[in-house]
């Protein structure tokens, strides 16, 4: 008889938030399929298994009835849909992410924003790049891309973190849902006010293309799509930028080679492999199934841990290390299957082609004075939340 996955009653969400990688190493070795009692979910930590789950939406559905995301976003979002329903909403935003639009609209916009935000950094001082650069840069770029220019950087960052906290509120805390309710009210008001502008003057922003589509999706889902983009579209480039900087500044030989060759794209890919900005995703089984000989009952929520898959010893030698010139250089940080991240190409350009070379051009000798001052946080979303850097 096939046995259920083993139960681990020692892992806590706090452990995973503070430093999940020793736990992932242990699980890959001893229990790659494991039910974590504190979360009520089954974690898969090997690359083959995370890919298998993501590639099979009929067996592992995104429509998880136990997710706190629906409550946090006040909507059943495209992230929790499969098949035709998911594709219709995904395609509603697709024109805003077309290659020509990225090249002609968003790359120049990110270049202007980067120039402005890098120029205001103080030369010769130690600055925490999380609040001073990475967060605001990601927020302003996303506000422009979405068509929400009226929002401040602070608002965008606050809304994003509040939605993330709500979507990850597995303990169903009332205060986190109260905060997401307030954020939803504020976002709805801004979108209501901006609607007429986009109808009168159509443009390439996500909000505008959805409003002006020949067969638009429901207004409630337009708003939900925008909120999904806010929830994931700030932390990913923000955390990727800081992660890559930490990797490069911790490995001066690699940094010198990247500068010499202009291999910023390679540095980007290695950074998001090393620490995946979106580290975990949830799927629910539609029928009894097996993974690695373990029974996964119908209705079980399976968490694919791409942060662990990216360091899988079967694929990456010394996967715990930041190595720009590793081979093979593969990762699952943007997902795979139908839910492959729609903002992938924007993030690659905004961080890898725009910000990184510009930042090192202005501050070629910047360094981290004390690596103990770099603080990392996050389970579902992970990156440095504090990174003091001497700009020189």
Protein backbone atom coordinates (compact mmCIF):
# COMPACT_ATOMS: atom_id res chain seq x y z
CA UNK A 1 0.00 0.00 0.00
CA UNK A 2 1.26 3.48 -0.88
CA UNK A 3 2.02 5.50 2.22
CA UNK A 4 1.24 9.13 2.89
CA UNK A 5 4.13 11.58 2.90
CA UNK A 6 5.98 11.74 6.23
CA UNK A 7 4.88 14.46 8.64
CA UNK A 8 7.36 17.01 9.96
CA UNK A 9 6.14 18.69 13.14
CA UNK A 10 9.38 20.62 13.80
CA UNK A 11 9.38 23.13 10.92
CA UNK A 12 7.74 26.48 11.66
CA UNK A 13 6.82 29.33 9.34
CA UNK A 14 9.20 31.50 11.37
CA UNK A 15 12.06 29.08 10.61
CA UNK A 16 11.29 29.23 6.89
CA UNK A 17 10.99 33.01 6.99
CA UNK A 18 14.31 33.54 8.75
CA UNK A 19 16.54 31.02 6.94
CA UNK A 20 14.89 28.22 4.96
CA UNK A 21 17.94 26.88 3.12
CA UNK A 22 19.32 24.53 5.82
CA UNK A 23 15.80 23.10 6.10
CA UNK A 24 15.57 22.66 2.33
CA UNK A 25 18.94 20.90 2.22
CA UNK A 26 17.74 18.45 4.86
CA UNK A 27 14.44 17.85 3.10
CA UNK A 28 16.04 17.27 -0.30
CA UNK A 29 18.28 14.67 1.32
CA UNK A 30 15.91 12.99 3.76
CA UNK A 31 12.29 13.84 2.90
CA UNK A 32 11.84 15.55 -0.48
CA UNK A 33 8.07 15.11 -0.15
CA UNK A 34 6.92 16.05 3.34
CA UNK A 35 3.77 17.25 5.05
CA UNK A 36 4.58 20.23 7.28
CA UNK A 37 2.19 20.12 10.21
CA UNK A 38 2.46 23.82 11.11
CA UNK A 39 1.34 24.80 7.59
CA UNK A 40 -1.07 22.00 6.81
CA UNK A 41 0.61 21.60 3.43
CA UNK A 42 2.87 19.15 1.62
CA UNK A 43 6.20 20.57 0.46
CA UNK A 44 8.09 19.27 -2.58
CA UNK A 45 11.72 20.41 -2.70
CA UNK A 46 13.37 18.60 -5.63
CA UNK A 47 13.57 20.25 -9.05
CA UNK A 48 12.00 17.35 -10.95
CA UNK A 49 9.01 17.32 -8.60
CA UNK A 50 8.38 21.07 -8.56
CA UNK A 51 8.47 21.10 -12.36
CA UNK A 52 6.17 18.07 -12.55
CA UNK A 53 3.57 19.75 -10.35
CA UNK A 54 3.67 23.06 -12.25
CA UNK A 55 3.50 21.32 -15.63
CA UNK A 56 0.33 19.37 -14.75
CA UNK A 57 -2.48 21.85 -13.93
CA UNK A 58 -5.21 19.24 -14.47
CA UNK A 59 -3.78 17.17 -11.64
CA UNK A 60 -2.38 20.03 -9.55
CA UNK A 61 -4.81 22.92 -9.79
CA UNK A 62 -4.09 26.55 -8.96
CA UNK A 63 -7.63 26.83 -7.59
CA UNK A 64 -6.82 26.20 -3.95
CA UNK A 65 -9.93 26.79 -1.81
CA UNK A 66 -7.79 27.01 1.32
CA UNK A 67 -5.55 29.82 0.10
CA UNK A 68 -5.83 33.12 2.00
CA UNK A 69 -5.19 34.95 -1.30
CA UNK A 70 -8.87 35.23 -2.23
CA UNK A 71 -9.65 36.88 1.10
CA UNK A 72 -6.64 39.20 0.87
CA UNK A 73 -7.35 40.32 -2.70
CA UNK A 74 -11.14 40.35 -2.29
CA UNK A 75 -11.31 38.42 -5.56
CA UNK A 76 -10.75 35.06 -7.17
CA UNK A 77 -7.67 36.08 -9.11
CA UNK A 78 -6.08 34.63 -12.24
CA UNK A 79 -3.33 33.19 -10.02
CA UNK A 80 -5.95 30.79 -8.67
CA UNK A 81 -7.49 29.82 -12.00
CA UNK A 82 -6.61 27.25 -14.64
CA UNK A 83 -7.46 26.52 -18.25
CA UNK A 84 -9.59 28.89 -20.30
CA UNK A 85 -10.51 31.11 -17.33
CA UNK A 86 -6.87 31.69 -16.48
CA UNK A 87 -5.85 32.22 -20.09
CA UNK A 88 -8.59 34.78 -20.77
CA UNK A 89 -7.51 36.97 -17.88
CA UNK A 90 -3.81 36.48 -18.58
CA UNK A 91 -4.26 37.46 -22.23
CA UNK A 92 -6.20 40.56 -21.19
CA UNK A 93 -2.93 42.06 -19.95
CA UNK A 94 -0.70 40.49 -22.61
CA UNK A 95 -0.55 43.55 -24.95
CA UNK A 96 1.20 45.50 -22.17
CA UNK A 97 3.98 42.87 -22.11
CA UNK A 98 4.48 42.48 -25.88
CA UNK A 99 8.16 42.56 -26.95
CA UNK A 100 7.71 45.74 -29.00
CA UNK A 101 5.98 47.52 -26.10
CA UNK A 102 8.71 46.46 -23.68
CA UNK A 103 11.41 47.72 -26.05
CA UNK A 104 9.76 51.00 -27.07
CA UNK A 105 7.84 51.96 -23.92
CA UNK A 106 9.00 50.22 -20.79
CA UNK A 107 12.79 50.05 -21.25
CA UNK A 108 13.03 53.82 -21.94
CA UNK A 109 10.71 54.45 -18.98
CA UNK A 110 12.85 52.33 -16.65
CA UNK A 111 15.99 54.06 -17.95
CA UNK A 112 14.55 57.48 -17.07
CA UNK A 113 13.48 56.31 -13.64
CA UNK A 114 16.83 54.62 -12.97
CA UNK A 115 18.77 57.73 -13.95
CA UNK A 116 16.67 59.86 -11.61
CA UNK A 117 16.77 57.47 -8.66
CA UNK A 118 20.49 56.62 -8.95
CA UNK A 119 21.39 60.32 -9.29
CA UNK A 120 19.89 61.13 -5.91
CA UNK A 121 22.01 58.56 -4.04
CA UNK A 122 24.75 60.23 -1.93
CA UNK A 123 28.31 59.49 -3.04
CA UNK A 124 30.64 58.41 -0.25
CA UNK A 125 27.93 57.47 2.24
CA UNK A 126 26.61 54.18 3.60
CA UNK A 127 23.04 53.78 2.35
CA UNK A 128 20.48 51.04 2.87
CA UNK A 129 19.55 50.26 -0.73
CA UNK A 130 16.28 48.56 0.19
CA UNK A 131 14.35 51.76 1.03
CA UNK A 132 16.60 54.17 -0.86
CA UNK A 133 16.72 52.52 -4.29
CA UNK A 134 15.43 48.99 -4.87
CA UNK A 135 11.94 49.47 -3.46
CA UNK A 136 11.20 52.90 -4.98
CA UNK A 137 12.67 51.94 -8.37
CA UNK A 138 10.52 48.82 -8.60
CA UNK A 139 7.46 50.72 -7.39
CA UNK A 140 7.76 53.63 -9.83
CA UNK A 141 8.43 51.38 -12.82
CA UNK A 142 5.43 49.22 -11.99
CA UNK A 143 3.18 52.23 -11.45
CA UNK A 144 4.02 53.45 -14.96
CA UNK A 145 3.62 50.00 -16.53
CA UNK A 146 0.25 49.45 -14.88
CA UNK A 147 -1.07 52.93 -15.62
CA UNK A 148 -1.21 54.02 -11.98
CA UNK A 149 1.17 56.96 -12.13
CA UNK A 150 -0.97 58.80 -9.57
CA UNK A 151 0.18 56.38 -6.86
CA UNK A 152 3.25 57.33 -4.85
CA UNK A 153 6.21 55.01 -4.41
CA UNK A 154 5.27 54.64 -0.76
CA UNK A 155 1.70 53.69 -1.60
CA UNK A 156 2.77 51.10 -4.18
CA UNK A 157 5.23 49.48 -1.78
CA UNK A 158 2.76 49.50 1.09
CA UNK A 159 0.00 47.97 -1.02
CA UNK A 160 2.35 45.32 -2.36
CA UNK A 161 3.59 44.23 1.05
CA UNK A 162 0.09 44.29 2.52
CA UNK A 163 -1.23 42.05 -0.25
CA UNK A 164 1.74 39.71 0.15
CA UNK A 165 1.17 39.53 3.90
CA UNK A 166 -2.50 38.81 3.35
CA UNK A 167 -1.86 36.18 0.67
CA UNK A 168 0.56 34.44 3.03
CA UNK A 169 -1.70 34.74 6.05
CA UNK A 170 -1.97 30.99 6.60
CA UNK A 171 -2.72 31.62 10.27
CA UNK A 172 -5.77 33.71 9.24
CA UNK A 173 -4.85 36.65 11.47
CA UNK A 174 -7.57 39.29 11.59
CA UNK A 175 -5.12 42.22 11.63
CA UNK A 176 -3.49 41.18 8.35
CA UNK A 177 -6.83 40.89 6.61
CA UNK A 178 -7.93 44.23 8.05
CA UNK A 179 -4.82 45.79 6.52
CA UNK A 180 -5.47 44.17 3.13
CA UNK A 181 -9.08 45.39 3.26
CA UNK A 182 -7.85 48.96 3.77
CA UNK A 183 -5.33 48.59 0.94
CA UNK A 184 -8.04 47.28 -1.38
CA UNK A 185 -10.19 50.31 -0.63
CA UNK A 186 -7.32 52.66 -1.47
CA UNK A 187 -6.40 50.84 -4.68
CA UNK A 188 -10.02 50.72 -5.82
CA UNK A 189 -10.37 54.47 -5.30
CA UNK A 190 -7.25 55.22 -7.35
CA UNK A 191 -8.32 52.91 -10.17
CA UNK A 192 -11.80 54.44 -10.18
CA UNK A 193 -10.29 57.91 -10.53
CA UNK A 194 -7.86 56.89 -13.29
CA UNK A 195 -10.40 55.04 -15.41
CA UNK A 196 -11.62 58.02 -17.44
CA UNK A 197 -8.07 59.09 -18.29
CA UNK A 198 -7.30 55.71 -19.83
CA UNK A 199 -10.57 55.58 -21.74
CA UNK A 200 -10.06 59.05 -23.21
CA UNK A 201 -6.35 58.54 -23.98
CA UNK A 202 -5.58 54.84 -24.54
CA UNK A 203 -1.97 53.80 -24.01
CA UNK A 204 0.17 50.69 -23.55
CA UNK A 205 -0.27 50.36 -19.78
CA UNK A 206 -1.89 47.22 -18.40
CA UNK A 207 -4.91 49.09 -17.05
CA UNK A 208 -5.48 50.90 -20.34
CA UNK A 209 -5.21 47.83 -22.57
CA UNK A 210 -7.65 45.92 -20.38
CA UNK A 211 -10.16 48.79 -20.31
CA UNK A 212 -9.98 49.37 -24.05
CA UNK A 213 -10.00 45.75 -25.20
CA UNK A 214 -12.49 44.75 -27.88
CA UNK A 215 -13.92 42.15 -25.51
CA UNK A 216 -12.89 43.35 -22.04
CA UNK A 217 -12.95 41.11 -19.01
CA UNK A 218 -15.18 42.04 -16.07
CA UNK A 219 -14.19 45.22 -14.25
CA UNK A 220 -13.80 43.29 -10.99
CA UNK A 221 -11.23 41.04 -12.67
CA UNK A 222 -9.43 44.00 -14.26
CA UNK A 223 -8.94 45.33 -10.75
CA UNK A 224 -7.92 41.87 -9.51
CA UNK A 225 -5.33 41.58 -12.30
CA UNK A 226 -3.86 44.95 -11.38
CA UNK A 227 -3.65 43.92 -7.74
CA UNK A 228 -1.93 40.65 -8.60
CA UNK A 229 0.65 42.67 -10.53
CA UNK A 230 1.12 45.00 -7.55
CA UNK A 231 1.45 42.07 -5.16
CA UNK A 232 4.17 40.34 -7.17
CA UNK A 233 5.55 43.01 -9.47
CA UNK A 234 7.40 45.08 -6.89
CA UNK A 235 9.03 42.45 -4.73
CA UNK A 236 10.42 40.45 -7.65
CA UNK A 237 12.61 43.15 -9.27
CA UNK A 238 13.32 44.74 -5.88
CA UNK A 239 14.50 41.52 -4.28
CA UNK A 240 16.29 40.37 -7.43
CA UNK A 241 18.29 43.60 -7.59
CA UNK A 242 19.41 43.40 -3.97
CA UNK A 243 20.12 39.68 -4.18
CA UNK A 244 22.31 40.10 -7.26
CA UNK A 245 24.14 43.04 -5.71
CA UNK A 246 24.79 41.01 -2.58
CA UNK A 247 26.09 38.12 -4.66
CA UNK A 248 28.38 40.31 -6.76
CA UNK A 249 29.67 42.41 -3.88
CA UNK A 250 30.40 39.24 -1.92
CA UNK A 251 32.41 37.82 -4.83
CA UNK A 252 34.74 40.54 -6.16
CA UNK A 253 36.44 38.23 -8.67
CA UNK A 254 33.10 37.43 -10.27
CA UNK A 255 32.10 41.10 -10.22
CA UNK A 256 35.30 42.07 -12.02
CA UNK A 257 34.65 39.47 -14.72
CA UNK A 258 31.01 40.55 -15.13
CA UNK A 259 32.13 44.17 -15.53
CA UNK A 260 34.82 43.21 -18.02
CA UNK A 261 32.46 41.16 -20.17
CA UNK A 262 29.28 43.15 -19.55
CA UNK A 263 27.60 39.93 -18.41
CA UNK A 264 24.84 41.62 -16.43
CA UNK A 265 22.22 39.26 -17.86
CA UNK A 266 24.16 36.26 -16.57
CA UNK A 267 24.50 37.89 -13.16
CA UNK A 268 20.74 38.44 -13.14
CA UNK A 269 19.95 34.80 -13.90
CA UNK A 270 22.38 33.50 -11.29
CA UNK A 271 21.07 35.88 -8.66
CA UNK A 272 17.46 34.76 -9.01
CA UNK A 273 18.59 31.12 -9.08
CA UNK A 274 20.63 31.58 -5.90
CA UNK A 275 17.73 33.14 -4.00
CA UNK A 276 14.41 32.93 -5.84
CA UNK A 277 12.40 36.13 -5.24
CA UNK A 278 9.19 34.08 -5.50
CA UNK A 279 10.30 31.06 -3.52
CA UNK A 280 7.15 28.96 -3.14
CA UNK A 281 3.83 28.40 -4.88
CA UNK A 282 0.73 26.43 -3.98
CA UNK A 283 -1.29 23.86 -5.94
CA UNK A 284 -4.19 21.63 -4.86
CA UNK A 285 -4.58 18.03 -6.03
CA UNK A 286 -7.71 17.29 -8.06
CA UNK A 287 -7.48 13.54 -7.41
CA UNK A 288 -5.41 11.05 -5.46
CA UNK A 289 -1.91 10.93 -6.92
CA UNK A 290 1.65 9.98 -6.04
CA UNK A 291 4.96 11.81 -5.86
CA UNK A 292 8.09 9.76 -5.21
CA UNK A 293 5.95 6.85 -4.10
CA UNK A 294 3.98 8.88 -1.54
CA UNK A 295 0.20 9.16 -1.73
CA UNK A 296 -0.98 12.75 -2.11
CA UNK A 297 -4.72 12.68 -1.41
CA UNK A 298 -7.26 14.62 -3.42
CA UNK A 299 -7.68 18.12 -1.99
CA UNK A 300 -4.17 18.30 -0.51
CA UNK A 301 -2.31 21.57 -0.98
CA UNK A 302 1.15 20.99 -2.44
CA UNK A 303 3.75 23.74 -2.10
CA UNK A 304 6.38 23.74 -4.83
CA UNK A 305 9.57 25.15 -3.34
CA UNK A 306 11.42 26.61 -6.30
CA UNK A 307 13.94 28.19 -3.93
CA UNK A 308 14.98 24.65 -3.04
CA UNK A 309 14.66 23.28 -6.58
CA UNK A 310 17.11 25.94 -7.76
CA UNK A 311 19.77 24.48 -5.46
CA UNK A 312 19.03 20.82 -6.14
CA UNK A 313 22.28 18.82 -5.99
CA UNK A 314 21.12 16.63 -8.89
CA UNK A 315 21.29 19.68 -11.18
CA UNK A 316 23.68 22.18 -9.61
CA UNK A 317 27.09 21.43 -8.23
CA UNK A 318 27.63 23.61 -5.17
CA UNK A 319 24.17 25.10 -5.66
CA UNK A 320 24.36 26.98 -2.37
CA UNK A 321 27.05 29.28 -3.81
CA UNK A 322 26.60 32.35 -6.01
CA UNK A 323 28.48 31.52 -9.24
CA UNK A 324 27.70 33.67 -12.27
CA UNK A 325 29.58 31.42 -14.66
CA UNK A 326 28.18 28.08 -13.47
CA UNK A 327 27.08 25.45 -15.94
CA UNK A 328 24.33 24.57 -16.39
CA UNK A 329 22.70 27.85 -15.45
CA UNK A 330 19.04 26.96 -15.01
CA UNK A 331 16.34 27.86 -12.52
CA UNK A 332 12.60 27.80 -11.90
CA UNK A 333 12.33 31.28 -10.39
CA UNK A 334 9.87 32.53 -12.98
CA UNK A 335 7.84 29.36 -12.75
CA UNK A 336 6.91 27.07 -15.59
CA UNK A 337 3.77 25.80 -17.22
CA UNK A 338 0.68 27.99 -17.81
CA UNK A 339 1.48 30.30 -14.88
CA UNK A 340 4.97 31.29 -16.10
CA UNK A 341 5.55 34.82 -14.79
CA UNK A 342 4.13 37.39 -17.23
CA UNK A 343 6.54 40.10 -16.09
CA UNK A 344 9.68 38.01 -16.68
CA UNK A 345 11.04 39.99 -19.62
CA UNK A 346 10.34 43.35 -18.01
CA UNK A 347 12.16 42.31 -14.81
CA UNK A 348 15.15 41.02 -16.77
CA UNK A 349 15.51 44.32 -18.57
CA UNK A 350 14.69 46.64 -15.67
CA UNK A 351 17.25 44.99 -13.39
CA UNK A 352 19.76 43.19 -15.61
CA UNK A 353 20.02 45.60 -18.53
CA UNK A 354 19.13 48.96 -16.98
CA UNK A 355 19.82 49.25 -13.25
CA UNK A 356 22.84 47.00 -12.64
CA UNK A 357 25.19 48.52 -15.25
CA UNK A 358 24.03 52.04 -14.41
CA UNK A 359 24.60 51.56 -10.69
CA UNK A 360 28.12 50.16 -11.12
CA UNK A 361 28.95 52.87 -13.62
CA UNK A 362 28.14 55.55 -11.05
CA UNK A 363 29.55 53.69 -8.02
CA UNK A 364 32.26 51.36 -9.44
CA UNK A 365 33.85 50.72 -6.03
CA UNK A 366 30.78 50.31 -3.88
CA UNK A 367 30.97 47.64 -1.21
CA UNK A 368 29.12 46.16 1.73
CA UNK A 369 30.98 47.35 4.87
CA UNK A 370 29.60 44.61 7.11
CA UNK A 371 27.89 41.56 5.62
CA UNK A 372 26.33 40.79 9.01
CA UNK A 373 24.20 43.91 8.50
CA UNK A 374 22.51 42.38 5.46
CA UNK A 375 19.20 40.97 6.69
CA UNK A 376 17.19 38.44 4.65
CA UNK A 377 13.53 37.58 5.20
CA UNK A 378 10.74 35.66 3.58
CA UNK A 379 9.29 32.24 2.81
CA UNK A 380 6.95 32.70 -0.17
CA UNK A 381 8.80 35.85 -1.26
CA UNK A 382 12.44 36.25 -0.23
CA UNK A 383 15.15 38.87 -0.45
CA UNK A 384 17.24 41.27 1.64
CA UNK A 385 15.10 43.64 3.69
CA UNK A 386 18.19 45.58 4.82
CA UNK A 387 21.39 46.04 2.81
CA UNK A 388 23.73 48.89 3.81
CA UNK A 389 26.20 49.67 1.03
CA UNK A 390 29.07 52.19 0.91
CA UNK A 391 28.62 54.11 -2.33
CA UNK A 392 32.00 54.98 -3.82
